[in-house]
C-alpha atoms as a PDB file:
ATOM      1  CA  MET A   1     109.734  55.044 153.264  1.00  0.00           C
ATOM      2  CA  GLU A   2     109.214  51.366 150.956  1.00  0.00           C
ATOM      3  CA  PHE A   3     106.000  52.050 149.077  1.00  0.00           C
ATOM      4  CA  ASP A   4     104.957  48.559 147.474  1.00  0.00           C
ATOM      5  CA  LEU A   5     102.307  46.339 146.571  1.00  0.00           C
ATOM      6  CA  THR A   6     101.368  43.284 148.763  1.00  0.00           C
ATOM      7  CA  ALA A   7     101.813  39.960 147.768  1.00  0.00           C
ATOM      8  CA  ASP A   8      97.787  39.610 146.946  1.00  0.00           C
ATOM      9  CA  GLN A   9      97.873  42.887 145.024  1.00  0.00           C
ATOM     10  CA  LYS A  10     100.903  41.470 142.904  1.00  0.00           C
ATOM     11  CA  MET A  11      99.239  38.285 142.603  1.00  0.00           C
ATOM     12  CA  MET A  12      95.948  39.598 141.371  1.00  0.00           C
ATOM     13  CA  GLN A  13      97.332  41.449 138.744  1.00  0.00           C
ATOM     14  CA  GLU A  14      98.932  38.473 137.765  1.00  0.00           C
ATOM     15  CA  SER A  15      95.796  36.533 137.786  1.00  0.00           C
ATOM     16  CA  ILE A  16      94.604  39.362 135.273  1.00  0.00           C
ATOM     17  CA  ASN A  17      96.750  39.031 133.262  1.00  0.00           C
ATOM     18  CA  ARG A  18      97.815  35.422 132.577  1.00  0.00           C
ATOM     19  CA  THR A  19      93.717  35.388 132.189  1.00  0.00           C
ATOM     20  CA  LEU A  20      93.832  38.267 129.425  1.00  0.00           C
ATOM     21  CA  GLU A  21      96.905  36.100 127.938  1.00  0.00           C
ATOM     22  CA  ARG A  22      94.723  33.678 127.225  1.00  0.00           C
ATOM     23  CA  VAL A  23      91.382  35.240 126.706  1.00  0.00           C
ATOM     24  CA  ALA A  24      92.229  38.306 124.575  1.00  0.00           C
ATOM     25  CA  PRO A  25      95.054  37.781 122.068  1.00  0.00           C
ATOM     26  CA  LEU A  26      95.830  40.663 119.580  1.00  0.00           C
ATOM     27  CA  GLU A  27      93.469  38.270 116.862  1.00  0.00           C
ATOM     28  CA  ARG A  28      90.562  38.590 119.976  1.00  0.00           C
ATOM     29  CA  VAL A  29      91.225  42.266 120.062  1.00  0.00           C
ATOM     30  CA  ARG A  30      90.591  42.010 116.232  1.00  0.00           C
ATOM     31  CA  LYS A  31      87.528  40.758 115.801  1.00  0.00           C
ATOM     32  CA  ALA A  32      85.656  42.458 118.945  1.00  0.00           C
ATOM     33  CA  GLU A  33      83.127  45.392 118.366  1.00  0.00           C
ATOM     34  CA  GLY A  34      83.135  47.190 121.126  1.00  0.00           C
ATOM     35  CA  HIS A  35      83.427  44.896 123.642  1.00  0.00           C
ATOM     36  CA  ALA A  36      84.031  41.002 124.145  1.00  0.00           C
ATOM     37  CA  ASP A  37      81.410  38.825 126.080  1.00  0.00           C
ATOM     38  CA  ASP A  38      83.389  36.130 126.448  1.00  0.00           C
ATOM     39  CA  VAL A  39      86.252  38.324 127.759  1.00  0.00           C
ATOM     40  CA  LEU A  40      84.418  40.002 130.718  1.00  0.00           C
ATOM     41  CA  LYS A  41      82.952  36.406 131.302  1.00  0.00           C
ATOM     42  CA  ALA A  42      86.202  35.243 132.065  1.00  0.00           C
ATOM     43  CA  LEU A  43      87.084  38.195 134.009  1.00  0.00           C
ATOM     44  CA  ALA A  44      84.288  38.100 135.987  1.00  0.00           C
ATOM     45  CA  GLU A  45      85.249  34.398 137.017  1.00  0.00           C
ATOM     46  CA  LEU A  46      87.827  36.654 138.839  1.00  0.00           C
ATOM     47  CA  GLY A  47      85.274  38.840 140.638  1.00  0.00           C
ATOM     48  CA  LEU A  48      86.939  42.335 138.418  1.00  0.00           C
ATOM     49  CA  PRO A  49      83.135  43.871 138.130  1.00  0.00           C
ATOM     50  CA  GLY A  50      82.816  43.888 141.788  1.00  0.00           C
ATOM     51  CA  ILE A  51      85.988  44.998 142.658  1.00  0.00           C
ATOM     52  CA  LEU A  52      84.831  48.049 144.944  1.00  0.00           C
ATOM     53  CA  ILE A  53      81.477  46.762 145.692  1.00  0.00           C
ATOM     54  CA  PRO A  54      81.463  46.221 149.026  1.00  0.00           C
ATOM     55  CA  GLU A  55      81.284  41.944 150.054  1.00  0.00           C
ATOM     56  CA  GLU A  56      77.680  42.691 151.660  1.00  0.00           C
ATOM     57  CA  TYR A  57      76.863  43.684 148.223  1.00  0.00           C
ATOM     58  CA  GLY A  58      78.397  40.646 146.698  1.00  0.00           C
ATOM     59  CA  GLY A  59      81.738  42.286 145.464  1.00  0.00           C
ATOM     60  CA  LEU A  60      85.429  42.005 146.553  1.00  0.00           C
ATOM     61  CA  GLY A  61      85.133  45.378 148.443  1.00  0.00           C
ATOM     62  CA  LEU A  62      88.680  46.373 147.827  1.00  0.00           C
ATOM     63  CA  LYS A  63      90.352  49.706 146.977  1.00  0.00           C
ATOM     64  CA  LEU A  64      91.061  52.167 144.538  1.00  0.00           C
ATOM     65  CA  LEU A  65      95.057  51.052 144.377  1.00  0.00           C
ATOM     66  CA  ASP A  66      93.494  47.146 143.419  1.00  0.00           C
ATOM     67  CA  ALA A  67      91.092  48.945 140.693  1.00  0.00           C
ATOM     68  CA  ALA A  68      94.274  50.568 138.838  1.00  0.00           C
ATOM     69  CA  LEU A  69      96.581  47.566 138.830  1.00  0.00           C
ATOM     70  CA  ALA A  70      93.301  46.134 137.061  1.00  0.00           C
ATOM     71  CA  GLY A  71      93.267  49.156 134.658  1.00  0.00           C
ATOM     72  CA  GLU A  72      96.775  48.456 134.185  1.00  0.00           C
ATOM     73  CA  ALA A  73      96.160  45.121 133.212  1.00  0.00           C
ATOM     74  CA  LEU A  74      93.695  45.796 130.648  1.00  0.00           C
ATOM     75  CA  GLY A  75      95.207  48.837 129.074  1.00  0.00           C
ATOM     76  CA  ARG A  76      98.194  46.307 128.798  1.00  0.00           C
ATOM     77  CA  HIS A  77      96.426  43.771 126.668  1.00  0.00           C
ATOM     78  CA  VAL A  78      93.836  46.417 125.318  1.00  0.00           C
ATOM     79  CA  ALA A  79      91.269  43.901 126.384  1.00  0.00           C
ATOM     80  CA  PRO A  80      87.728  45.314 124.826  1.00  0.00           C
ATOM     81  CA  VAL A  81      85.340  45.320 128.185  1.00  0.00           C
ATOM     82  CA  PRO A  82      83.303  47.897 129.970  1.00  0.00           C
ATOM     83  CA  PHE A  83      85.526  48.878 133.156  1.00  0.00           C
ATOM     84  CA  VAL A  84      86.040  52.350 134.023  1.00  0.00           C
ATOM     85  CA  ALA A  85      82.526  53.351 134.150  1.00  0.00           C
ATOM     86  CA  SER A  86      80.777  50.354 134.757  1.00  0.00           C
ATOM     87  CA  SER A  87      83.447  48.484 137.523  1.00  0.00           C
ATOM     88  CA  VAL A  88      84.621  51.892 139.087  1.00  0.00           C
ATOM     89  CA  MET A  89      82.754  55.154 138.692  1.00  0.00           C
ATOM     90  CA  ALA A  90      78.888  53.311 138.328  1.00  0.00           C
ATOM     91  CA  PRO A  91      79.475  51.625 141.872  1.00  0.00           C
ATOM     92  CA  LEU A  92      81.479  54.291 143.456  1.00  0.00           C
ATOM     93  CA  ALA A  93      78.752  56.728 142.723  1.00  0.00           C
ATOM     94  CA  ILE A  94      75.424  54.349 143.902  1.00  0.00           C
ATOM     95  CA  LEU A  95      78.235  53.670 146.975  1.00  0.00           C
ATOM     96  CA  ASN A  96      77.993  57.197 148.006  1.00  0.00           C
ATOM     97  CA  ALA A  97      75.084  59.161 146.979  1.00  0.00           C
ATOM     98  CA  GLY A  98      72.654  56.323 146.625  1.00  0.00           C
ATOM     99  CA  SER A  99      69.696  54.632 149.254  1.00  0.00           C
ATOM    100  CA  GLU A 100      70.104  52.044 150.575  1.00  0.00           C
ATOM    101  CA  ALA A 101      67.123  50.612 148.242  1.00  0.00           C
ATOM    102  CA  GLN A 102      69.501  52.060 145.742  1.00  0.00           C
ATOM    103  CA  LYS A 103      72.453  49.854 146.873  1.00  0.00           C
ATOM    104  CA  ALA A 104      70.809  46.588 147.444  1.00  0.00           C
ATOM    105  CA  LYS A 105      69.018  47.167 143.793  1.00  0.00           C
ATOM    106  CA  TYR A 106      71.858  47.939 141.742  1.00  0.00           C
ATOM    107  CA  LEU A 107      75.249  46.549 143.595  1.00  0.00           C
ATOM    108  CA  PRO A 108      74.297  42.944 143.182  1.00  0.00           C
ATOM    109  CA  LYS A 109      73.803  42.436 140.039  1.00  0.00           C
ATOM    110  CA  LEU A 110      77.001  44.951 138.849  1.00  0.00           C
ATOM    111  CA  ALA A 111      79.501  42.803 140.896  1.00  0.00           C
ATOM    112  CA  SER A 112      78.212  39.713 139.160  1.00  0.00           C
ATOM    113  CA  GLY A 113      78.573  41.372 135.608  1.00  0.00           C
ATOM    114  CA  GLU A 114      75.351  40.731 134.613  1.00  0.00           C
ATOM    115  CA  LEU A 115      74.520  44.343 134.815  1.00  0.00           C
ATOM    116  CA  ILE A 116      76.554  46.809 133.281  1.00  0.00           C
ATOM    117  CA  ALA A 117      76.401  50.565 133.824  1.00  0.00           C
ATOM    118  CA  GLY A 118      77.048  53.301 131.546  1.00  0.00           C
ATOM    119  CA  VAL A 119      78.559  56.848 133.287  1.00  0.00           C
ATOM    120  CA  ALA A 120      77.227  60.507 131.221  1.00  0.00           C
ATOM    121  CA  VAL A 121      79.450  62.853 133.339  1.00  0.00           C
ATOM    122  CA  SER A 122      81.072  64.595 130.182  1.00  0.00           C
ATOM    123  CA  GLU A 123      80.342  67.872 130.413  1.00  0.00           C
ATOM    124  CA  GLN A 124      81.254  67.903 133.995  1.00  0.00           C
ATOM    125  CA  ALA A 125      84.578  66.443 133.595  1.00  0.00           C
ATOM    126  CA  ALA A 126      85.826  67.574 130.697  1.00  0.00           C
ATOM    127  CA  GLY A 127      83.549  71.186 129.828  1.00  0.00           C
ATOM    128  CA  ALA A 128      80.249  71.110 127.741  1.00  0.00           C
ATOM    129  CA  ARG A 129      80.281  71.242 124.264  1.00  0.00           C
ATOM    130  CA  ASP A 130      77.280  73.153 122.276  1.00  0.00           C
ATOM    131  CA  LYS A 131      73.883  71.778 122.482  1.00  0.00           C
ATOM    132  CA  SER A 132      74.693  69.618 125.338  1.00  0.00           C
ATOM    133  CA  GLY A 133      73.928  69.392 128.695  1.00  0.00           C
ATOM    134  CA  ILE A 134      71.132  67.776 131.348  1.00  0.00           C
ATOM    135  CA  THR A 135      68.322  69.177 132.790  1.00  0.00           C
ATOM    136  CA  ALA A 136      66.078  66.967 135.255  1.00  0.00           C
ATOM    137  CA  LYS A 137      62.743  68.630 136.468  1.00  0.00           C
ATOM    138  CA  GLY A 138      59.632  66.557 138.337  1.00  0.00           C
ATOM    139  CA  GLY A 139      62.300  63.470 138.203  1.00  0.00           C
ATOM    140  CA  LYS A 140      62.694  63.386 134.291  1.00  0.00           C
ATOM    141  CA  LEU A 141      65.794  64.160 132.469  1.00  0.00           C
ATOM    142  CA  SER A 142      65.548  66.259 128.966  1.00  0.00           C
ATOM    143  CA  GLY A 143      68.598  67.179 126.757  1.00  0.00           C
ATOM    144  CA  THR A 144      71.845  65.463 125.396  1.00  0.00           C
ATOM    145  CA  ALA A 145      74.599  63.585 127.309  1.00  0.00           C
ATOM    146  CA  LEU A 146      78.148  62.779 124.999  1.00  0.00           C
ATOM    147  CA  PHE A 147      80.725  60.465 125.045  1.00  0.00           C
ATOM    148  CA  VAL A 148      79.398  57.902 127.201  1.00  0.00           C
ATOM    149  CA  LEU A 149      81.240  55.416 128.722  1.00  0.00           C
ATOM    150  CA  ASP A 150      81.014  51.916 128.819  1.00  0.00           C
ATOM    151  CA  PHE A 151      78.380  52.847 126.053  1.00  0.00           C
ATOM    152  CA  ALA A 152      77.258  49.378 124.848  1.00  0.00           C
ATOM    153  CA  GLY A 153      75.251  47.054 126.304  1.00  0.00           C
ATOM    154  CA  ALA A 154      74.555  49.186 129.450  1.00  0.00           C
ATOM    155  CA  GLY A 155      71.459  48.145 131.046  1.00  0.00           C
ATOM    156  CA  ILE A 156      71.931  52.070 133.448  1.00  0.00           C
ATOM    157  CA  TYR A 157      72.978  54.797 132.801  1.00  0.00           C
ATOM    158  CA  VAL A 158      74.562  57.078 135.561  1.00  0.00           C
ATOM    159  CA  VAL A 159      73.651  60.930 134.201  1.00  0.00           C
ATOM    160  CA  ALA A 160      74.885  64.138 135.616  1.00  0.00           C
ATOM    161  CA  ASP A 161      73.083  66.965 135.377  1.00  0.00           C
ATOM    162  CA  ARG A 162      73.743  70.701 134.445  1.00  0.00           C
ATOM    163  CA  PHE A 163      74.326  71.305 138.385  1.00  0.00           C
ATOM    164  CA  GLY A 164      76.070  68.236 139.275  1.00  0.00           C
ATOM    165  CA  ALA A 165      73.197  65.831 140.534  1.00  0.00           C
ATOM    166  CA  LEU A 166      73.125  62.616 139.669  1.00  0.00           C
ATOM    167  CA  HIS A 167      70.797  59.806 138.339  1.00  0.00           C
ATOM    168  CA  VAL A 168      70.044  56.321 137.058  1.00  0.00           C
ATOM    169  CA  VAL A 169      68.135  56.011 133.827  1.00  0.00           C
ATOM    170  CA  ASP A 170      66.627  52.523 132.362  1.00  0.00           C
ATOM    171  CA  ALA A 171      68.658  52.063 129.454  1.00  0.00           C
ATOM    172  CA  ASN A 172      65.525  50.980 127.850  1.00  0.00           C
ATOM    173  CA  ALA A 173      63.266  53.466 129.551  1.00  0.00           C
ATOM    174  CA  LYS A 174      60.430  55.851 127.252  1.00  0.00           C
ATOM    175  CA  GLY A 175      62.077  59.001 125.516  1.00  0.00           C
ATOM    176  CA  ILE A 176      65.963  57.987 124.899  1.00  0.00           C
ATOM    177  CA  GLU A 177      67.460  57.805 122.611  1.00  0.00           C
ATOM    178  CA  LYS A 178      70.445  56.188 121.991  1.00  0.00           C
ATOM    179  CA  VAL A 179      73.473  56.674 119.389  1.00  0.00           C
ATOM    180  CA  ALA A 180      76.645  55.220 119.261  1.00  0.00           C
ATOM    181  CA  LEU A 181      79.510  57.422 118.120  1.00  0.00           C
ATOM    182  CA  SER A 182      82.625  56.899 115.826  1.00  0.00           C
ATOM    183  CA  THR A 183      86.445  57.472 118.159  1.00  0.00           C
ATOM    184  CA  ILE A 184      89.441  56.347 117.506  1.00  0.00           C
ATOM    185  CA  ASP A 185      89.345  53.622 120.169  1.00  0.00           C
ATOM    186  CA  ALA A 186      87.967  50.329 118.585  1.00  0.00           C
ATOM    187  CA  THR A 187      88.427  48.453 121.591  1.00  0.00           C
ATOM    188  CA  ARG A 188      85.243  51.030 123.297  1.00  0.00           C
ATOM    189  CA  VAL A 189      82.062  52.139 122.177  1.00  0.00           C
ATOM    190  CA  ILE A 190      81.295  55.559 123.151  1.00  0.00           C
ATOM    191  CA  GLY A 191      77.984  56.944 123.306  1.00  0.00           C
ATOM    192  CA  GLN A 192      75.368  59.717 123.196  1.00  0.00           C
ATOM    193  CA  LEU A 193      72.520  60.432 124.841  1.00  0.00           C
ATOM    194  CA  ASN A 194      69.207  62.043 124.538  1.00  0.00           C
ATOM    195  CA  PHE A 195      66.711  62.300 126.977  1.00  0.00           C
ATOM    196  CA  ASP A 196      63.412  63.476 125.802  1.00  0.00           C
ATOM    197  CA  ASN A 197      61.391  63.966 129.842  1.00  0.00           C
ATOM    198  CA  VAL A 198      62.903  60.196 130.533  1.00  0.00           C
ATOM    199  CA  GLU A 199      62.086  58.988 134.515  1.00  0.00           C
ATOM    200  CA  ALA A 200      64.824  59.077 136.187  1.00  0.00           C
ATOM    201  CA  GLU A 201      65.739  57.762 140.226  1.00  0.00           C
ATOM    202  CA  PRO A 202      67.897  60.554 142.063  1.00  0.00           C
ATOM    203  CA  LEU A 203      70.941  59.750 143.626  1.00  0.00           C
ATOM    204  CA  ALA A 204      70.477  62.285 146.733  1.00  0.00           C
ATOM    205  CA  ASN A 205      72.528  62.035 149.127  1.00  0.00           C
ATOM    206  CA  ASN A 206      75.255  64.508 148.427  1.00  0.00           C
ATOM    207  CA  PRO A 207      75.393  63.895 144.719  1.00  0.00           C
ATOM    208  CA  GLN A 208      78.164  66.872 144.098  1.00  0.00           C
ATOM    209  CA  ALA A 209      80.878  65.076 146.133  1.00  0.00           C
ATOM    210  CA  ALA A 210      80.134  61.413 144.804  1.00  0.00           C
ATOM    211  CA  LEU A 211      80.244  63.154 141.431  1.00  0.00           C
ATOM    212  CA  ASP A 212      83.341  64.734 142.228  1.00  0.00           C
ATOM    213  CA  ARG A 213      85.298  61.408 143.725  1.00  0.00           C
ATOM    214  CA  MET A 214      83.831  59.391 140.749  1.00  0.00           C
ATOM    215  CA  ILE A 215      85.549  61.865 138.301  1.00  0.00           C
ATOM    216  CA  ASP A 216      88.732  61.358 140.201  1.00  0.00           C
ATOM    217  CA  ALA A 217      88.262  57.721 140.441  1.00  0.00           C
ATOM    218  CA  GLY A 218      87.842  56.976 136.652  1.00  0.00           C
ATOM    219  CA  ARG A 219      91.000  59.684 135.866  1.00  0.00           C
ATOM    220  CA  VAL A 220      93.205  57.198 137.833  1.00  0.00           C
ATOM    221  CA  ILE A 221      91.924  54.301 136.082  1.00  0.00           C
ATOM    222  CA  LEU A 222      92.296  56.165 132.497  1.00  0.00           C
ATOM    223  CA  ALA A 223      96.088  56.573 133.783  1.00  0.00           C
ATOM    224  CA  ALA A 224      96.657  53.227 134.622  1.00  0.00           C
ATOM    225  CA  ASP A 225      95.073  52.019 131.314  1.00  0.00           C
ATOM    226  CA  THR A 226      97.429  54.393 129.732  1.00  0.00           C
ATOM    227  CA  LEU A 227     100.763  53.045 132.035  1.00  0.00           C
ATOM    228  CA  GLY A 228      99.311  49.793 131.021  1.00  0.00           C
ATOM    229  CA  ALA A 229      99.361  50.483 127.463  1.00  0.00           C
ATOM    230  CA  GLY A 230     102.442  52.535 127.072  1.00  0.00           C
ATOM    231  CA  LEU A 231     104.946  49.712 128.614  1.00  0.00           C
ATOM    232  CA  ARG A 232     103.214  47.203 126.338  1.00  0.00           C
ATOM    233  CA  MET A 233     104.322  49.454 123.219  1.00  0.00           C
ATOM    234  CA  ILE A 234     107.648  50.021 124.889  1.00  0.00           C
ATOM    235  CA  GLU A 235     107.986  46.150 125.255  1.00  0.00           C
ATOM    236  CA  LYS A 236     107.291  45.617 121.429  1.00  0.00           C
ATOM    237  CA  ALA A 237     109.038  48.435 120.159  1.00  0.00           C
ATOM    238  CA  VAL A 238     112.206  46.665 122.378  1.00  0.00           C
ATOM    239  CA  ALA A 239     111.451  43.269 120.543  1.00  0.00           C
ATOM    240  CA  TYR A 240     111.197  44.874 117.209  1.00  0.00           C
ATOM    241  CA  ALA A 241     114.599  46.710 117.540  1.00  0.00           C
ATOM    242  CA  ALA A 242     116.192  43.487 119.002  1.00  0.00           C
ATOM    243  CA  GLU A 243     115.273  41.447 115.606  1.00  0.00           C
ATOM    244  CA  ARG A 244     115.158  44.000 112.855  1.00  0.00           C
ATOM    245  CA  LYS A 245     117.872  44.403 110.378  1.00  0.00           C
ATOM    246  CA  GLN A 246     119.581  47.200 108.851  1.00  0.00           C
ATOM    247  CA  PHE A 247     122.994  47.475 106.756  1.00  0.00           C
ATOM    248  CA  GLY A 248     123.490  44.419 108.510  1.00  0.00           C
ATOM    249  CA  ARG A 249     122.547  45.121 112.131  1.00  0.00           C
ATOM    250  CA  VAL A 250     119.781  44.862 114.147  1.00  0.00           C
ATOM    251  CA  ILE A 251     118.928  48.110 114.578  1.00  0.00           C
ATOM    252  CA  GLY A 252     118.862  47.957 118.488  1.00  0.00           C
ATOM    253  CA  SER A 253     122.519  47.913 117.877  1.00  0.00           C
ATOM    254  CA  PHE A 254     122.517  51.885 116.426  1.00  0.00           C
ATOM    255  CA  GLN A 255     122.650  54.483 119.493  1.00  0.00           C
ATOM    256  CA  ALA A 256     119.905  56.731 117.997  1.00  0.00           C
ATOM    257  CA  VAL A 257     117.606  53.510 118.190  1.00  0.00           C
ATOM    258  CA  LYS A 258     118.826  52.900 121.921  1.00  0.00           C
ATOM    259  CA  HIS A 259     118.323  55.827 123.045  1.00  0.00           C
ATOM    260  CA  MET A 260     114.388  56.447 122.003  1.00  0.00           C
ATOM    261  CA  CYS A 261     114.241  52.946 123.791  1.00  0.00           C
ATOM    262  CA  ALA A 262     115.760  54.001 127.075  1.00  0.00           C
ATOM    263  CA  GLU A 263     113.974  57.854 126.849  1.00  0.00           C
ATOM    264  CA  MET A 264     111.019  56.162 126.475  1.00  0.00           C
ATOM    265  CA  ILE A 265     111.517  54.033 129.801  1.00  0.00           C
ATOM    266  CA  ALA A 266     112.487  56.180 131.620  1.00  0.00           C
ATOM    267  CA  GLU A 267     109.450  59.196 131.274  1.00  0.00           C
ATOM    268  CA  LEU A 268     107.121  56.098 131.733  1.00  0.00           C
ATOM    269  CA  GLU A 269     108.354  54.208 134.175  1.00  0.00           C
ATOM    270  CA  PRO A 270     107.842  57.133 136.688  1.00  0.00           C
ATOM    271  CA  CYS A 271     104.640  57.359 136.030  1.00  0.00           C
ATOM    272  CA  ARG A 272     104.194  54.054 137.951  1.00  0.00           C
ATOM    273  CA  ALA A 273     104.704  55.754 141.305  1.00  0.00           C
ATOM    274  CA  LEU A 274     101.887  58.640 140.568  1.00  0.00           C
ATOM    275  CA  MET A 275      99.444  56.191 140.047  1.00  0.00           C
ATOM    276  CA  TRP A 276     100.057  53.894 142.654  1.00  0.00           C
ATOM    277  CA  TYR A 277      99.843  57.264 144.970  1.00  0.00           C
ATOM    278  CA  ALA A 278      96.997  59.008 143.469  1.00  0.00           C
ATOM    279  CA  ALA A 279      94.995  55.445 143.874  1.00  0.00           C
ATOM    280  CA  TYR A 280      96.511  54.900 147.602  1.00  0.00           C
ATOM    281  CA  ALA A 281      95.481  58.706 148.339  1.00  0.00           C
ATOM    282  CA  PHE A 282      91.986  58.376 146.923  1.00  0.00           C
ATOM    283  CA  ASP A 283      90.975  56.277 149.846  1.00  0.00           C
ATOM    284  CA  GLU A 284      93.825  56.760 152.993  1.00  0.00           C
ATOM    285  CA  PHE A 285      93.839  60.624 151.693  1.00  0.00           C
ATOM    286  CA  PRO A 286      90.795  61.850 150.261  1.00  0.00           C
ATOM    287  CA  GLU A 287      91.917  65.750 150.803  1.00  0.00           C
ATOM    288  CA  ASP A 288      94.736  65.013 148.812  1.00  0.00           C
ATOM    289  CA  GLY A 289      92.888  62.728 146.403  1.00  0.00           C
ATOM    290  CA  ARG A 290      91.449  65.331 143.602  1.00  0.00           C
ATOM    291  CA  ARG A 291      95.070  67.109 142.855  1.00  0.00           C
ATOM    292  CA  MET A 292      96.403  63.486 142.114  1.00  0.00           C
ATOM    293  CA  ALA A 293      94.260  62.253 140.431  1.00  0.00           C
ATOM    294  CA  ALA A 294      94.103  65.043 138.094  1.00  0.00           C
ATOM    295  CA  HIS A 295      98.330  65.405 138.127  1.00  0.00           C
ATOM    296  CA  VAL A 296      98.493  61.742 137.839  1.00  0.00           C
ATOM    297  CA  LYS A 297      95.452  61.990 134.651  1.00  0.00           C
ATOM    298  CA  ALA A 298      97.602  65.089 132.978  1.00  0.00           C
ATOM    299  CA  HIS A 299     100.864  63.369 133.420  1.00  0.00           C
ATOM    300  CA  THR A 300     100.413  60.320 132.120  1.00  0.00           C
ATOM    301  CA  SER A 301      98.332  61.212 129.321  1.00  0.00           C
ATOM    302  CA  GLU A 302     101.161  63.666 128.108  1.00  0.00           C
ATOM    303  CA  VAL A 303     103.930  60.779 128.470  1.00  0.00           C
ATOM    304  CA  GLY A 304     101.778  58.051 127.398  1.00  0.00           C
ATOM    305  CA  THR A 305     101.306  60.515 124.142  1.00  0.00           C
ATOM    306  CA  PHE A 306     105.124  60.403 123.703  1.00  0.00           C
ATOM    307  CA  VAL A 307     105.296  56.913 124.182  1.00  0.00           C
ATOM    308  CA  ALA A 308     102.552  55.962 121.525  1.00  0.00           C
ATOM    309  CA  ARG A 309     104.747  58.192 118.853  1.00  0.00           C
ATOM    310  CA  THR A 310     108.227  57.241 120.024  1.00  0.00           C
ATOM    311  CA  ALA A 311     107.410  53.402 119.976  1.00  0.00           C
ATOM    312  CA  THR A 312     105.832  53.489 116.683  1.00  0.00           C
ATOM    313  CA  GLU A 313     108.583  55.244 115.240  1.00  0.00           C
ATOM    314  CA  VAL A 314     110.627  52.520 116.265  1.00  0.00           C
ATOM    315  CA  HIS A 315     108.988  50.129 114.247  1.00  0.00           C
ATOM    316  CA  GLY A 316     109.419  52.594 111.126  1.00  0.00           C
ATOM    317  CA  GLY A 317     107.448  52.791 108.310  1.00  0.00           C
ATOM    318  CA  MET A 318     105.526  49.116 109.155  1.00  0.00           C
ATOM    319  CA  GLY A 319     104.253  50.708 112.996  1.00  0.00           C
ATOM    320  CA  PHE A 320     101.594  52.480 111.008  1.00  0.00           C
ATOM    321  CA  THR A 321      99.964  49.425 109.301  1.00  0.00           C
ATOM    322  CA  ASP A 322      97.299  46.995 110.492  1.00  0.00           C
ATOM    323  CA  LEU A 323      99.747  44.180 110.218  1.00  0.00           C
ATOM    324  CA  LEU A 324     101.537  44.514 113.594  1.00  0.00           C
ATOM    325  CA  GLY A 325      98.361  45.781 115.722  1.00  0.00           C
ATOM    326  CA  LEU A 326     100.508  48.616 117.237  1.00  0.00           C
ATOM    327  CA  HIS A 327      97.312  51.285 116.560  1.00  0.00           C
ATOM    328  CA  TYR A 328      95.549  50.045 118.913  1.00  0.00           C
ATOM    329  CA  TRP A 329      97.557  50.887 121.600  1.00  0.00           C
ATOM    330  CA  PHE A 330      98.247  53.985 119.875  1.00  0.00           C
ATOM    331  CA  LYS A 331      94.872  54.551 119.460  1.00  0.00           C
ATOM    332  CA  ARG A 332      93.895  53.337 123.111  1.00  0.00           C
ATOM    333  CA  ILE A 333      96.216  56.469 124.442  1.00  0.00           C
ATOM    334  CA  GLY A 334      94.867  58.576 122.472  1.00  0.00           C
ATOM    335  CA  PHE A 335      91.561  57.903 123.780  1.00  0.00           C
ATOM    336  CA  ASN A 336      92.656  57.976 127.577  1.00  0.00           C
ATOM    337  CA  ARG A 337      94.436  61.345 127.071  1.00  0.00           C
ATOM    338  CA  GLN A 338      90.598  62.669 125.925  1.00  0.00           C
ATOM    339  CA  ALA A 339      87.960  60.710 128.339  1.00  0.00           C
ATOM    340  CA  LEU A 340      86.941  62.765 131.310  1.00  0.00           C
ATOM    341  CA  GLY A 341      89.041  65.717 130.425  1.00  0.00           C
ATOM    342  CA  GLY A 342      93.026  66.578 128.715  1.00  0.00           C
ATOM    343  CA  PRO A 343      95.735  67.245 130.460  1.00  0.00           C
ATOM    344  CA  GLU A 344      94.822  70.915 130.251  1.00  0.00           C
ATOM    345  CA  LYS A 345      91.627  70.250 132.073  1.00  0.00           C
ATOM    346  CA  ALA A 346      92.928  68.204 134.509  1.00  0.00           C
ATOM    347  CA  ARG A 347      95.715  70.612 135.607  1.00  0.00           C
ATOM    348  CA  HIS A 348      92.822  73.547 135.737  1.00  0.00           C
ATOM    349  CA  ASP A 349      90.916  71.230 138.207  1.00  0.00           C
ATOM    350  CA  ALA A 350      94.196  70.535 140.315  1.00  0.00           C
ATOM    351  CA  ALA A 351      94.815  74.218 140.404  1.00  0.00           C
ATOM    352  CA  VAL A 352      91.292  74.690 141.454  1.00  0.00           C
ATOM    353  CA  ALA A 353      91.638  72.207 144.241  1.00  0.00           C
ATOM    354  CA  GLN A 354      94.624  73.953 145.619  1.00  0.00           C
ATOM    355  CA  GLY A 355      92.750  77.220 145.531  1.00  0.00           C
ATOM    356  CA  TRP A 356      95.338  78.748 143.235  1.00  0.00           C
ATOM    357  CA  VAL A 357      92.110  79.802 140.820  1.00  0.00           C
ATOM    358  CA  GLY A 358      88.552  79.913 140.923  1.00  0.00           C
ATOM    359  CA  ASN A 359      85.721  77.335 139.674  1.00  0.00           C
END
């Protein structure tokens, strides 16, 4: 059986890559503070914010595999734009758990890029920390949500409470405190939300199932982002090895360096097929979706970490300098590893999905 991308999927990914090469070179990424409005606007012209939103709401109506291909391109260019929460997780939550009125209210604005949505589900996806977690009572939320994705510029937040129920909160609602958090990844802004009896709209149509689906989709997109970032680091390492000279020879001619480059691609390339299938299964084989999303997140996170370290080593002492900018990809991969649960948590969730251990 041959499994490959369609001509339209290849053309879409090439179009995103060309756009990002034009509007988001490394010089632009260096100047970005969290996210770049001009880069987001260029991607909105391609319809990227509405990639999963049905056409009736102004979106492209595509599948998660298409979104993952876009995510790979974003990782390759370390694009400083909201995507995993605003274009993937939040639309899926509203589509799966929202009322018709809520879909009509939010989805067209998300599809056009007019509205950015943050997502606060870290306590459910990665585990709650001390003094974190949200309680809901009488249509109001209280508590603290950590590591909110696509935090900067968000007009709404999709928030999960302690019991897995989903809520939509206006970013300017009374009683909400927003705190930007420092992370290793300069291309994204992650935040903390403190709620004190904040008005919220419940997403009441089977919210637990919708929560699981949005976490699964987010994990696949983060894996795709790591794949793109890792492949770019390999390309940079190979190019550097072909020009850097030691003892009168380019370092790429040394067997040890050849082995480092070969091992990186041998480890990372199989992640592509795993990511493709996980994204495909999400829509076509939902019963397999949770297990595969967890596996691709765990495996790609660990392989990505290996690639990031090895590519930096190929660059030698230069690899750690700001001059080369290699650290943007290194830190992006590091963030992706922990967001929505590290490898250990993802593998635990896969074991639960298969009935091997209890939740």
